[in-house]
């Protein structure tokens, strides 16, 4: 058997394996879409994708679009009220922190990077209580909120490079960029800030998009933060709307088809954003682990 034949067999085996794994990973999402056209009884008795007795999916879509007397678009708008500043703050603060760690020499530099790693290994939930008391003291949420309509606790901390994972990822990515580019920019008259903006940021585009994409997707799934800080009904976000769709009177009273329809519509923005930036996301993740 020639080397070319072995290579073809290996490629075919690889693609078959990846296809099989992809089907397993996508099956829950496809089943959730198919459940929109199922009755409550069929949802719990039919594991297949094709409904045996389809019902009107449009009724379920209408049910899922309207929750608590408001449209799903209203809750998505509230979600964007903290997602947009969170993504912007996360990217800016983490890029500046990674730039300082990789390109500058100062006392305590190793200690700073060690603290980043330590906070990366610590569970996020342990910071909830001290942050709650801090935001309460600053009057940043609740009926007496003085700034940003009570949404500040959901994004303000991201402007101070609290995303240790993203700082670490950008540090690893920036270490792959030759320092000769910095020296060439300095010879051309660029200061440190201009070197970052005009030289390093274009090279870091995949990593920066990865940071923004993951921050957006994780923010879309954030339930605990809005549950703690967003008290008024008019401030409820998408994850809280999904929780409201479940009727506490009992399982029999739930419209599972409508709930699945709402879940699919809630997933669409994150899916669209992910596939729009998929190429940069893959490049950013693949380049993070490489070395100079």
Protein backbone atom coordinates (compact mmCIF):
# COMPACT_ATOMS: atom_id res chain seq x y z
CA UNK A 1 0.00 0.00 0.00
CA UNK A 2 1.48 3.31 -1.10
CA UNK A 3 1.83 6.37 1.07
CA UNK A 4 -0.79 8.24 -1.00
CA UNK A 5 -3.32 5.43 -0.47
CA UNK A 6 -2.69 5.39 3.27
CA UNK A 7 -3.13 9.15 3.35
CA UNK A 8 -6.48 8.92 1.53
CA UNK A 9 -7.71 6.21 3.89
CA UNK A 10 -6.65 8.30 6.88
CA UNK A 11 -8.46 11.37 5.51
CA UNK A 12 -11.63 9.40 4.80
CA UNK A 13 -11.57 7.91 8.30
CA UNK A 14 -10.99 11.34 9.81
CA UNK A 15 -13.91 12.94 7.94
CA UNK A 16 -16.25 10.07 8.78
CA UNK A 17 -15.34 10.36 12.46
CA UNK A 18 -15.77 14.16 12.44
CA UNK A 19 -19.11 13.81 10.63
CA UNK A 20 -20.35 11.30 13.19
CA UNK A 21 -19.29 13.53 16.10
CA UNK A 22 -20.91 16.54 14.41
CA UNK A 23 -24.23 14.71 14.12
CA UNK A 24 -24.09 13.81 17.81
CA UNK A 25 -23.31 17.41 18.76
CA UNK A 26 -26.00 18.92 16.52
CA UNK A 27 -28.74 16.38 17.29
CA UNK A 28 -30.05 18.17 20.45
CA UNK A 29 -30.38 21.45 18.52
CA UNK A 30 -32.10 19.75 15.57
CA UNK A 31 -34.44 17.89 17.93
CA UNK A 32 -35.31 21.15 19.70
CA UNK A 33 -36.26 22.70 16.35
CA UNK A 34 -38.36 19.66 15.45
CA UNK A 35 -40.08 19.84 18.86
CA UNK A 36 -41.78 23.07 17.77
CA UNK A 37 -44.09 20.93 15.62
CA UNK A 38 -44.84 18.40 18.35
CA UNK A 39 -47.52 18.19 21.01
CA UNK A 40 -46.58 17.98 24.68
CA UNK A 41 -47.19 14.23 24.70
CA UNK A 42 -45.12 13.64 21.55
CA UNK A 43 -42.20 15.64 22.95
CA UNK A 44 -41.80 13.13 25.78
CA UNK A 45 -42.48 9.99 23.71
CA UNK A 46 -40.75 10.58 20.34
CA UNK A 47 -36.95 10.70 20.36
CA UNK A 48 -36.73 10.96 16.55
CA UNK A 49 -36.43 14.14 14.52
CA UNK A 50 -39.54 13.71 12.34
CA UNK A 51 -42.85 14.17 14.23
CA UNK A 52 -45.37 11.38 13.67
CA UNK A 53 -48.34 13.73 14.15
CA UNK A 54 -47.17 17.33 13.52
CA UNK A 55 -49.04 20.20 15.15
CA UNK A 56 -49.14 23.87 14.15
CA UNK A 57 -45.66 25.20 14.75
CA UNK A 58 -46.81 28.76 14.12
CA UNK A 59 -48.89 28.78 17.30
CA UNK A 60 -45.85 27.71 19.29
CA UNK A 61 -43.72 30.39 17.64
CA UNK A 62 -46.29 33.07 18.52
CA UNK A 63 -46.43 31.75 22.09
CA UNK A 64 -42.64 31.83 22.35
CA UNK A 65 -42.39 35.33 20.87
CA UNK A 66 -44.64 36.85 23.55
CA UNK A 67 -43.65 36.35 27.20
CA UNK A 68 -45.03 38.30 30.15
CA UNK A 69 -46.98 40.60 27.86
CA UNK A 70 -43.82 41.71 26.00
CA UNK A 71 -42.17 40.55 22.80
CA UNK A 72 -38.92 38.62 22.72
CA UNK A 73 -37.41 41.62 20.92
CA UNK A 74 -37.91 43.71 24.08
CA UNK A 75 -35.91 41.26 26.21
CA UNK A 76 -33.21 41.02 23.56
CA UNK A 77 -32.94 44.82 23.56
CA UNK A 78 -32.42 44.79 27.34
CA UNK A 79 -29.77 42.10 26.88
CA UNK A 80 -27.90 44.32 24.44
CA UNK A 81 -27.96 47.15 27.00
CA UNK A 82 -25.33 45.32 29.02
CA UNK A 83 -23.82 43.09 26.31
CA UNK A 84 -22.51 45.88 24.08
CA UNK A 85 -20.59 47.76 26.83
CA UNK A 86 -19.45 44.41 28.27
CA UNK A 87 -17.92 43.30 24.97
CA UNK A 88 -16.30 46.69 24.31
CA UNK A 89 -14.90 46.93 27.85
CA UNK A 90 -13.66 43.35 27.83
CA UNK A 91 -11.76 43.80 24.57
CA UNK A 92 -10.20 47.17 25.44
CA UNK A 93 -9.14 46.34 28.99
CA UNK A 94 -7.80 42.87 28.19
CA UNK A 95 -5.83 44.09 25.16
CA UNK A 96 -4.22 46.90 27.19
CA UNK A 97 -3.39 44.54 30.07
CA UNK A 98 -1.89 41.91 27.75
CA UNK A 99 0.10 44.62 25.95
CA UNK A 100 1.56 45.86 29.23
CA UNK A 101 2.50 42.35 30.35
CA UNK A 102 4.15 41.30 27.09
CA UNK A 103 5.81 44.51 25.92
CA UNK A 104 6.80 46.48 29.03
CA UNK A 105 9.25 45.82 31.85
CA UNK A 106 8.18 46.99 35.31
CA UNK A 107 8.58 45.89 38.90
CA UNK A 108 6.13 43.23 39.93
CA UNK A 109 5.39 42.16 36.36
CA UNK A 110 5.65 38.46 37.21
CA UNK A 111 3.45 38.98 40.26
CA UNK A 112 0.78 40.66 38.13
CA UNK A 113 0.78 37.80 35.63
CA UNK A 114 0.72 35.28 38.49
CA UNK A 115 -2.35 37.00 39.91
CA UNK A 116 -4.01 36.73 36.51
CA UNK A 117 -3.37 32.98 36.50
CA UNK A 118 -4.57 32.61 40.09
CA UNK A 119 -7.85 34.41 39.40
CA UNK A 120 -8.24 32.29 36.27
CA UNK A 121 -8.18 29.16 38.42
CA UNK A 122 -10.65 30.53 40.97
CA UNK A 123 -14.41 29.97 40.44
CA UNK A 124 -16.22 33.14 39.41
CA UNK A 125 -19.02 32.65 41.93
CA UNK A 126 -16.74 33.49 44.89
CA UNK A 127 -16.49 37.09 43.62
CA UNK A 128 -20.26 37.57 43.56
CA UNK A 129 -20.74 38.59 47.22
CA UNK A 130 -17.93 41.20 47.44
CA UNK A 131 -18.91 42.63 44.06
CA UNK A 132 -22.54 42.79 45.16
CA UNK A 133 -21.64 44.78 48.26
CA UNK A 134 -19.37 47.07 46.24
CA UNK A 135 -22.05 47.85 43.65
CA UNK A 136 -24.63 48.27 46.40
CA UNK A 137 -22.37 50.76 48.20
CA UNK A 138 -21.86 52.68 44.94
CA UNK A 139 -25.64 52.65 44.30
CA UNK A 140 -25.29 51.15 40.83
CA UNK A 141 -28.38 48.95 40.88
CA UNK A 142 -31.84 48.82 42.37
CA UNK A 143 -34.47 51.59 42.52
CA UNK A 144 -31.91 54.15 43.74
CA UNK A 145 -29.39 53.47 40.95
CA UNK A 146 -27.64 56.69 40.07
CA UNK A 147 -25.93 55.67 36.79
CA UNK A 148 -26.64 53.65 33.63
CA UNK A 149 -30.18 52.65 34.59
CA UNK A 150 -29.12 49.85 36.93
CA UNK A 151 -27.31 47.80 34.24
CA UNK A 152 -23.79 48.89 35.28
CA UNK A 153 -23.01 45.87 37.54
CA UNK A 154 -23.39 43.58 34.53
CA UNK A 155 -20.61 45.23 32.52
CA UNK A 156 -18.63 47.71 34.63
CA UNK A 157 -16.16 45.16 36.02
CA UNK A 158 -15.28 44.05 32.47
CA UNK A 159 -13.68 47.45 31.89
CA UNK A 160 -11.00 46.56 34.47
CA UNK A 161 -9.59 43.42 32.81
CA UNK A 162 -11.39 40.98 35.10
CA UNK A 163 -11.54 38.43 32.29
CA UNK A 164 -8.45 36.50 33.33
CA UNK A 165 -8.96 33.87 30.65
CA UNK A 166 -8.98 36.50 27.91
CA UNK A 167 -5.94 38.28 29.35
CA UNK A 168 -4.05 34.99 29.38
CA UNK A 169 -5.18 34.17 25.84
CA UNK A 170 -4.12 37.57 24.49
CA UNK A 171 -0.78 37.37 26.30
CA UNK A 172 -0.09 34.02 24.64
CA UNK A 173 -1.15 35.38 21.26
CA UNK A 174 0.89 38.57 21.60
CA UNK A 175 3.98 36.58 22.49
CA UNK A 176 3.84 35.05 18.99
CA UNK A 177 4.17 38.50 17.39
CA UNK A 178 7.84 39.35 16.74
CA UNK A 179 9.12 42.31 18.73
CA UNK A 180 10.90 43.44 15.57
CA UNK A 181 7.59 45.01 14.53
CA UNK A 182 7.65 47.17 17.67
CA UNK A 183 11.22 48.23 16.99
CA UNK A 184 10.44 49.07 13.36
CA UNK A 185 7.46 51.16 14.46
CA UNK A 186 9.63 52.96 17.00
CA UNK A 187 12.18 53.80 14.31
CA UNK A 188 9.33 55.24 12.21
CA UNK A 189 8.43 57.55 15.10
CA UNK A 190 5.54 55.67 16.72
CA UNK A 191 5.08 55.85 20.45
CA UNK A 192 3.84 52.87 22.49
CA UNK A 193 0.17 53.68 21.97
CA UNK A 194 0.57 54.17 18.21
CA UNK A 195 2.50 50.90 17.97
CA UNK A 196 -0.40 49.10 19.62
CA UNK A 197 -3.07 50.75 17.45
CA UNK A 198 -1.40 50.72 14.03
CA UNK A 199 0.96 47.73 14.23
CA UNK A 200 -0.19 45.15 16.77
CA UNK A 201 -3.99 45.41 16.61
CA UNK A 202 -4.23 44.49 12.90
CA UNK A 203 -2.13 41.38 13.60
CA UNK A 204 -4.22 40.55 16.68
CA UNK A 205 -7.53 40.76 14.82
CA UNK A 206 -8.35 37.00 15.13
CA UNK A 207 -7.65 36.99 18.88
CA UNK A 208 -9.60 40.20 19.48
CA UNK A 209 -12.63 38.88 17.56
CA UNK A 210 -12.39 35.67 19.59
CA UNK A 211 -12.50 37.65 22.84
CA UNK A 212 -15.51 39.65 21.67
CA UNK A 213 -17.30 36.58 20.34
CA UNK A 214 -16.88 34.52 23.51
CA UNK A 215 -17.85 37.49 25.69
CA UNK A 216 -21.01 37.97 23.63
CA UNK A 217 -21.98 34.29 23.70
CA UNK A 218 -21.29 33.90 27.43
CA UNK A 219 -23.17 37.11 28.13
CA UNK A 220 -26.18 35.84 26.21
CA UNK A 221 -26.21 32.83 28.54
CA UNK A 222 -25.75 34.85 31.73
CA UNK A 223 -28.67 34.23 34.07
CA UNK A 224 -27.21 34.67 37.56
CA UNK A 225 -25.98 38.23 37.01
CA UNK A 226 -29.32 39.65 35.77
CA UNK A 227 -31.13 37.64 38.45
CA UNK A 228 -29.08 39.37 41.17
CA UNK A 229 -28.95 42.94 39.88
CA UNK A 230 -31.95 43.55 37.63
CA UNK A 231 -34.98 43.94 39.88
CA UNK A 232 -37.63 45.94 37.89
CA UNK A 233 -39.75 43.92 35.40
CA UNK A 234 -38.92 46.41 32.62
CA UNK A 235 -35.22 45.49 32.98
CA UNK A 236 -35.60 41.76 32.47
CA UNK A 237 -33.33 40.21 29.86
CA UNK A 238 -33.53 37.21 27.53
CA UNK A 239 -32.49 34.54 30.03
CA UNK A 240 -35.04 35.80 32.56
CA UNK A 241 -37.71 35.71 29.85
CA UNK A 242 -36.86 32.07 29.18
CA UNK A 243 -37.32 31.36 32.87
CA UNK A 244 -40.64 33.21 32.90
CA UNK A 245 -41.90 31.01 30.08
CA UNK A 246 -42.02 28.02 32.43
CA UNK A 247 -45.29 27.84 34.33
CA UNK A 248 -44.79 26.98 38.02
CA UNK A 249 -48.26 25.44 38.28
CA UNK A 250 -47.01 22.08 37.09
CA UNK A 251 -45.47 20.21 34.19
CA UNK A 252 -48.86 19.47 32.57
CA UNK A 253 -49.57 23.19 32.20
CA UNK A 254 -46.40 23.92 30.26
CA UNK A 255 -46.47 24.55 26.52
CA UNK A 256 -43.22 22.79 25.74
CA UNK A 257 -43.48 23.44 22.01
CA UNK A 258 -43.72 27.18 22.67
CA UNK A 259 -40.82 27.03 25.14
CA UNK A 260 -38.64 25.24 22.58
CA UNK A 261 -39.66 27.79 19.94
CA UNK A 262 -38.60 30.58 22.27
CA UNK A 263 -35.31 28.82 23.00
CA UNK A 264 -34.53 28.49 19.30
CA UNK A 265 -35.27 32.18 18.68
CA UNK A 266 -33.09 33.11 21.65
CA UNK A 267 -30.24 31.05 20.21
CA UNK A 268 -30.37 32.62 16.76
CA UNK A 269 -28.42 35.84 17.56
CA UNK A 270 -25.52 33.93 19.10
CA UNK A 271 -25.48 31.41 16.23
CA UNK A 272 -25.49 34.18 13.61
CA UNK A 273 -22.69 36.07 15.36
CA UNK A 274 -20.64 32.87 15.73
CA UNK A 275 -20.86 31.81 12.09
CA UNK A 276 -20.21 35.38 10.92
CA UNK A 277 -16.89 35.39 12.79
CA UNK A 278 -16.14 31.66 12.59
CA UNK A 279 -12.97 32.03 10.52
CA UNK A 280 -11.42 34.57 12.89
CA UNK A 281 -12.51 32.52 15.91
CA UNK A 282 -10.71 29.42 14.64
CA UNK A 283 -7.58 31.42 13.77
CA UNK A 284 -7.58 33.06 17.19
CA UNK A 285 -7.91 29.79 19.10
CA UNK A 286 -5.37 27.98 16.90
CA UNK A 287 -2.74 30.73 17.29
CA UNK A 288 -3.09 31.11 21.05
CA UNK A 289 -1.04 28.07 21.96
CA UNK A 290 1.87 28.69 19.56
CA UNK A 291 5.22 30.07 20.68
CA UNK A 292 7.82 32.38 19.28
